Amino acid sequence: MDERSFILGVDLDGVVGDFYGAMRVIAAEWLNKPSCELSENVSYGLSEWDIADYGGYERLHRFAVTQRALFRDMKPIKDAPGVLRKLSNRGIRIRIITHRLFLKYAHRTSITQTVDWLDSYDIPYWDLCFMQDKGAVGAHIYIDDGPENVTELRAQGHDTIVFTNSTNRSIPAPRADSWLEVEHLVMAALEKWKPVAT
């Protein structure tokens, strides 16, 4: 880890990008249902949408990425791009860490859409890491929404903010319900780190 910079490890889907909102629209098309029939209160894997009979989560996800450009066209979560720009301007190194390469034979599509999306919303980052074991990358503080990711990062001793959505309400604090809260928590962590920085 670069000890000269304070590093914020940032997950994308469900944290910076409105993954569940975008997936709801695409799933409605895929399932041939009105989106109002698909619950907004979902768990990881989207079982509430009864997708098993249609091929399950992986098939829906593949359709969303390869046929509907999910990673290029989803909207950002409110205030995320602006807050990340502010944090970057304060000298914080933004390290994007995402596990978007779990779909076989769609890696180029996933990577290209991700870079295009980050650039189109002027989201700053120094590093872009595609990997499952996010703790192996190294950051001073992480933000993630995946219950398993947060639990694993914390078990490894990493300071981790959980970004609130319906998939992670049982995960304990520290948590942020908005990007303005993320900004506050990250700046507080930066202030604690500064005295030992060289």
Protein backbone atom coordinates (compact mmCIF):
# COMPACT_ATOMS: atom_id res chain seq x y z
CA MET A 1 0.00 0.00 0.00
CA ASP A 2 1.27 3.48 -0.84
CA GLU A 3 1.81 5.01 2.60
CA ARG A 4 2.29 8.50 1.16
CA SER A 5 -1.37 8.77 0.17
CA PHE A 6 -4.57 8.07 2.05
CA ILE A 7 -6.37 5.45 -0.03
CA LEU A 8 -10.13 5.03 -0.25
CA GLY A 9 -11.17 1.66 -1.66
CA VAL A 10 -14.48 2.13 -3.48
CA ASP A 11 -16.90 -0.53 -4.68
CA LEU A 12 -18.99 0.47 -7.71
CA ASP A 13 -22.25 -1.49 -7.96
CA GLY A 14 -24.71 -0.40 -5.30
CA VAL A 15 -22.28 2.21 -3.97
CA VAL A 16 -21.36 4.60 -6.79
CA GLY A 17 -23.69 3.23 -9.47
CA ASP A 18 -27.40 2.58 -8.95
CA PHE A 19 -27.02 -1.10 -9.75
CA TYR A 20 -30.33 -2.26 -8.29
CA GLY A 21 -32.32 0.54 -9.91
CA ALA A 22 -30.82 -0.26 -13.31
CA MET A 23 -31.25 -4.01 -12.86
CA ARG A 24 -34.92 -3.52 -11.94
CA VAL A 25 -35.64 -1.84 -15.27
CA ILE A 26 -33.72 -4.47 -17.24
CA ALA A 27 -35.25 -7.35 -15.28
CA ALA A 28 -38.75 -6.03 -15.98
CA GLU A 29 -38.02 -6.25 -19.70
CA TRP A 30 -36.36 -9.68 -19.36
CA LEU A 31 -39.24 -11.07 -17.30
CA ASN A 32 -41.91 -9.30 -19.42
CA LYS A 33 -43.39 -7.65 -16.33
CA PRO A 34 -44.07 -4.05 -15.35
CA SER A 35 -41.22 -2.79 -13.16
CA CYS A 36 -43.77 -1.84 -10.49
CA GLU A 37 -44.27 -5.57 -9.90
CA LEU A 38 -40.61 -5.99 -8.95
CA SER A 39 -39.83 -5.16 -5.35
CA GLU A 40 -37.30 -2.44 -4.62
CA ASN A 41 -36.57 -4.20 -1.33
CA VAL A 42 -34.26 -6.94 -2.60
CA SER A 43 -31.62 -9.24 -1.17
CA TYR A 44 -28.31 -10.18 -2.76
CA GLY A 45 -29.13 -12.38 -5.79
CA LEU A 46 -32.54 -10.78 -6.44
CA SER A 47 -34.58 -13.84 -5.46
CA GLU A 48 -37.55 -11.56 -4.73
CA TRP A 49 -38.04 -11.13 -8.48
CA ASP A 50 -38.64 -14.86 -9.09
CA ILE A 51 -35.92 -15.10 -11.71
CA ALA A 52 -35.06 -18.78 -11.13
CA ASP A 53 -37.56 -20.01 -13.73
CA TYR A 54 -35.95 -17.72 -16.32
CA GLY A 55 -32.38 -18.95 -15.85
CA GLY A 56 -31.45 -17.29 -12.58
CA TYR A 57 -29.27 -14.40 -11.55
CA GLU A 58 -26.22 -15.14 -13.67
CA ARG A 59 -28.28 -15.31 -16.87
CA LEU A 60 -30.09 -12.06 -16.06
CA HIS A 61 -26.77 -10.41 -15.22
CA ARG A 62 -25.22 -11.57 -18.51
CA PHE A 63 -28.21 -10.19 -20.45
CA ALA A 64 -27.95 -6.89 -18.57
CA VAL A 65 -24.23 -6.46 -19.28
CA THR A 66 -23.92 -7.87 -22.80
CA GLN A 67 -27.29 -6.85 -24.29
CA ARG A 68 -28.29 -3.74 -22.32
CA ALA A 69 -24.89 -2.21 -21.44
CA LEU A 70 -25.65 -2.20 -17.71
CA PHE A 71 -22.20 -0.99 -16.66
CA ARG A 72 -22.20 1.83 -19.22
CA ASP A 73 -25.76 3.10 -18.83
CA MET A 74 -26.67 2.86 -15.15
CA LYS A 75 -27.16 6.14 -13.32
CA PRO A 76 -24.86 7.13 -10.48
CA ILE A 77 -26.13 7.20 -6.92
CA LYS A 78 -27.01 10.72 -5.78
CA ASP A 79 -23.97 12.85 -4.93
CA ALA A 80 -21.44 10.04 -5.54
CA PRO A 81 -19.51 11.64 -8.44
CA GLY A 82 -19.37 15.05 -6.78
CA VAL A 83 -18.23 13.74 -3.41
CA LEU A 84 -15.56 11.56 -5.04
CA ARG A 85 -14.28 14.62 -6.92
CA LYS A 86 -14.11 16.58 -3.65
CA LEU A 87 -12.30 13.76 -1.85
CA SER A 88 -9.84 13.42 -4.72
CA ASN A 89 -9.17 17.17 -4.68
CA ARG A 90 -8.31 16.85 -0.98
CA GLY A 91 -5.50 14.47 -1.86
CA ILE A 92 -7.30 11.19 -1.20
CA ARG A 93 -6.32 8.44 -3.63
CA ILE A 94 -9.47 6.83 -5.05
CA ARG A 95 -8.97 3.12 -5.71
CA ILE A 96 -11.93 1.51 -7.49
CA ILE A 97 -12.24 -2.17 -6.53
CA THR A 98 -14.97 -4.15 -8.24
CA HIS A 99 -15.72 -7.80 -8.94
CA ARG A 100 -17.27 -7.29 -12.37
CA LEU A 101 -15.33 -10.02 -14.16
CA PHE A 102 -17.25 -13.01 -12.86
CA LEU A 103 -19.04 -13.47 -16.21
CA LYS A 104 -16.96 -15.71 -18.47
CA TYR A 105 -16.30 -14.44 -21.99
CA ALA A 106 -17.56 -10.93 -21.23
CA HIS A 107 -14.48 -9.37 -19.64
CA ARG A 108 -13.71 -6.92 -22.44
CA THR A 109 -17.33 -5.74 -22.45
CA SER A 110 -17.37 -5.30 -18.67
CA ILE A 111 -14.05 -3.44 -18.57
CA THR A 112 -14.86 -1.15 -21.50
CA GLN A 113 -18.29 -0.25 -20.13
CA THR A 114 -16.79 0.44 -16.70
CA VAL A 115 -14.10 2.80 -17.98
CA ASP A 116 -16.58 4.58 -20.28
CA TRP A 117 -19.01 5.02 -17.38
CA LEU A 118 -16.38 6.38 -14.99
CA ASP A 119 -15.17 8.83 -17.62
CA SER A 120 -18.66 9.93 -18.63
CA TYR A 121 -19.46 10.98 -15.05
CA ASP A 122 -15.96 12.43 -14.45
CA ILE A 123 -15.39 10.09 -11.52
CA PRO A 124 -11.76 10.38 -10.44
CA TYR A 125 -9.64 7.35 -9.67
CA TRP A 126 -5.98 6.46 -9.55
CA ASP A 127 -6.43 2.71 -9.67
CA LEU A 128 -9.05 0.43 -11.19
CA CYS A 129 -8.94 -3.10 -9.79
CA PHE A 130 -11.14 -5.96 -10.98
CA MET A 131 -10.95 -8.60 -8.27
CA GLN A 132 -12.99 -10.56 -5.77
CA ASP A 133 -10.63 -10.37 -2.77
CA LYS A 134 -10.86 -6.64 -2.20
CA GLY A 135 -8.72 -6.74 0.94
CA ALA A 136 -5.75 -7.95 -1.12
CA VAL A 137 -5.67 -4.63 -2.97
CA GLY A 138 -4.94 -2.44 0.04
CA ALA A 139 -6.71 0.71 1.20
CA HIS A 140 -6.88 2.70 4.42
CA ILE A 141 -10.66 2.61 4.40
CA TYR A 142 -13.15 0.82 2.18
CA ILE A 143 -16.76 1.44 1.21
CA ASP A 144 -18.87 -1.47 -0.02
CA ASP A 145 -22.49 -2.59 0.02
CA GLY A 146 -22.08 -6.37 -0.34
CA PRO A 147 -22.77 -8.06 3.02
CA GLU A 148 -20.15 -10.76 2.42
CA ASN A 149 -17.58 -8.23 1.21
CA VAL A 150 -18.06 -5.97 4.24
CA THR A 151 -17.93 -8.90 6.66
CA GLU A 152 -14.78 -10.30 5.03
CA LEU A 153 -13.01 -6.94 4.88
CA ARG A 154 -13.73 -6.28 8.53
CA ALA A 155 -12.63 -9.79 9.49
CA GLN A 156 -9.31 -9.02 7.77
CA GLY A 157 -8.97 -5.92 9.96
CA HIS A 158 -9.86 -3.32 7.34
CA ASP A 159 -11.87 -0.23 8.26
CA THR A 160 -15.00 -0.58 6.13
CA ILE A 161 -18.06 1.60 5.70
CA VAL A 162 -21.20 -0.23 4.61
CA PHE A 163 -23.25 1.77 2.09
CA THR A 164 -26.87 1.18 3.03
CA ASN A 165 -29.32 -0.64 0.82
CA SER A 166 -31.86 -3.39 1.33
CA THR A 167 -29.24 -6.15 0.97
CA ASN A 168 -27.20 -5.16 4.02
CA ARG A 169 -29.45 -3.74 6.73
CA SER A 170 -28.28 -6.33 9.27
CA ILE A 171 -24.61 -5.32 8.93
CA PRO A 172 -23.46 -3.16 11.88
CA ALA A 173 -22.03 0.37 11.66
CA PRO A 174 -20.08 2.22 10.54
CA ARG A 175 -22.51 2.77 7.70
CA ALA A 176 -23.53 5.58 5.38
CA ASP A 177 -27.03 6.19 4.05
CA SER A 178 -25.83 8.82 1.57
CA TRP A 179 -22.68 10.06 -0.08
CA LEU A 180 -22.71 13.15 2.13
CA GLU A 181 -22.36 10.76 5.06
CA VAL A 182 -19.58 8.93 3.21
CA GLU A 183 -17.73 12.24 2.85
CA HIS A 184 -17.99 12.90 6.60
CA LEU A 185 -16.78 9.41 7.57
CA VAL A 186 -13.88 9.42 5.11
CA MET A 187 -12.71 12.87 6.16
CA ALA A 188 -12.83 11.79 9.81
CA ALA A 189 -10.70 8.74 8.93
CA LEU A 190 -8.27 10.96 7.03
CA GLU A 191 -7.87 13.24 10.04
CA LYS A 192 -7.07 10.24 12.26
CA TRP A 193 -4.50 9.00 9.74
CA LYS A 194 -2.71 12.32 9.24
CA PRO A 195 -0.64 12.34 12.46
CA VAL A 196 1.09 9.09 11.50
CA ALA A 197 1.54 9.98 7.85
CA THR A 198 5.06 10.77 6.68
